Structures are given as structure tokens and as C-alpha cells.
Amino acid sequence: MDMVMDENEISERIQELVIQHRDLDVAIQALIESGKSSLLQIQRLKKQKLHLRDRITQLENELLPDIIA
């Protein structure tokens, strides 16, 4: 089920993802500083963070009009 979003919905979704990305950044930093986390746990969170960044970029590209070079 592929749902088409309008520009406002895309912008709202981008903002949600940016907040999640920032929250993950804070969580990763807290885990590193606590010294009580495993490297695997930190790597998983960083991978989630990268996935969010990719999705944000994908949505931002949907907002930009196609430009013929």
C-alpha cells in the first residue's frame, strides 16, 4: 500500500525524522559517556541513525522539483 503524501505531509515527516535523528545522537553520546554500553549496541544505534538520515534525504528530494540538466 503506497500512500502519496503532499508537500506539507512530507515536510512534517521530515521534521519528525530530524527529531528522531537528534534523539538517537543524544542517546549514542550518553551511552558512550556512561561507559556501560556494548560496542554492538552503539553500532546498532548508529546504523538506525544512518537509516533515518537516508530517509530524510529521500523525502527532501521528493520536495525538490526535477531539474533537467
Protein backbone atom coordinates (compact mmCIF):
# COMPACT_ATOMS: atom_id res chain seq x y z
CA MET A 1 0.00 0.00 0.00
CA ASP A 2 1.89 3.03 -1.28
CA MET A 3 0.49 6.30 0.02
CA VAL A 4 1.20 9.57 -1.77
CA MET A 5 1.98 12.47 0.57
CA ASP A 6 1.56 16.13 -0.21
CA GLU A 7 4.30 18.69 0.45
CA ASN A 8 3.02 19.57 3.93
CA GLU A 9 2.90 15.91 4.97
CA ILE A 10 6.41 15.35 3.61
CA SER A 11 7.70 18.41 5.50
CA GLU A 12 6.06 17.23 8.72
CA ARG A 13 7.52 13.75 8.28
CA ILE A 14 10.98 15.23 7.69
CA GLN A 15 10.68 17.20 10.93
CA GLU A 16 9.67 14.04 12.83
CA LEU A 17 12.63 12.14 11.42
CA VAL A 18 15.04 15.00 12.20
CA ILE A 19 13.88 14.89 15.85
CA GLN A 20 14.34 11.10 15.96
CA HIS A 21 17.80 11.51 14.41
CA ARG A 22 18.76 14.12 17.01
CA ASP A 23 17.39 11.93 19.84
CA LEU A 24 19.49 9.00 18.63
CA ASP A 25 22.54 11.24 18.57
CA VAL A 26 21.92 12.22 22.19
CA ALA A 27 21.32 8.58 23.19
CA ILE A 28 24.52 7.42 21.49
CA GLN A 29 26.54 10.14 23.19
CA ALA A 30 25.03 9.26 26.58
CA LEU A 31 25.86 5.58 26.11
CA ILE A 32 29.43 6.40 25.12
CA GLU A 33 29.87 8.69 28.13
CA SER A 34 28.34 6.18 30.56
CA GLY A 35 30.82 3.50 29.56
CA LYS A 36 28.16 0.90 30.31
CA SER A 37 27.16 0.05 26.77
CA SER A 38 28.44 -2.51 24.34
CA LEU A 39 30.05 -1.55 21.08
CA LEU A 40 27.38 -3.60 19.30
CA GLN A 41 24.60 -1.56 20.92
CA ILE A 42 26.24 1.70 19.84
CA GLN A 43 26.78 0.37 16.31
CA ARG A 44 23.09 -0.59 16.04
CA LEU A 45 22.01 2.89 17.09
CA LYS A 46 24.42 4.47 14.61
CA LYS A 47 23.01 2.26 11.87
CA GLN A 48 19.48 3.40 12.80
CA LYS A 49 20.70 6.98 12.68
CA LEU A 50 22.12 6.47 9.19
CA HIS A 51 18.84 4.90 8.05
CA LEU A 52 16.98 7.96 9.33
CA ARG A 53 19.41 10.29 7.51
CA ASP A 54 18.85 8.35 4.27
CA ARG A 55 15.07 8.58 4.67
CA ILE A 56 15.28 12.31 5.40
CA THR A 57 17.35 12.83 2.24
CA GLN A 58 14.88 10.75 0.23
CA LEU A 59 11.94 12.84 1.44
CA GLU A 60 13.82 16.11 0.86
CA ASN A 61 14.45 15.00 -2.72
CA GLU A 62 10.71 14.47 -3.17
CA LEU A 63 10.16 18.14 -2.30
CA LEU A 64 12.62 19.35 -4.92
CA PRO A 65 11.32 19.69 -8.48
CA ASP A 66 13.00 17.60 -11.13
CA ILE A 67 15.60 19.69 -12.95
CA ILE A 68 16.64 18.71 -16.45
CA ALA A 69 20.38 19.26 -16.74
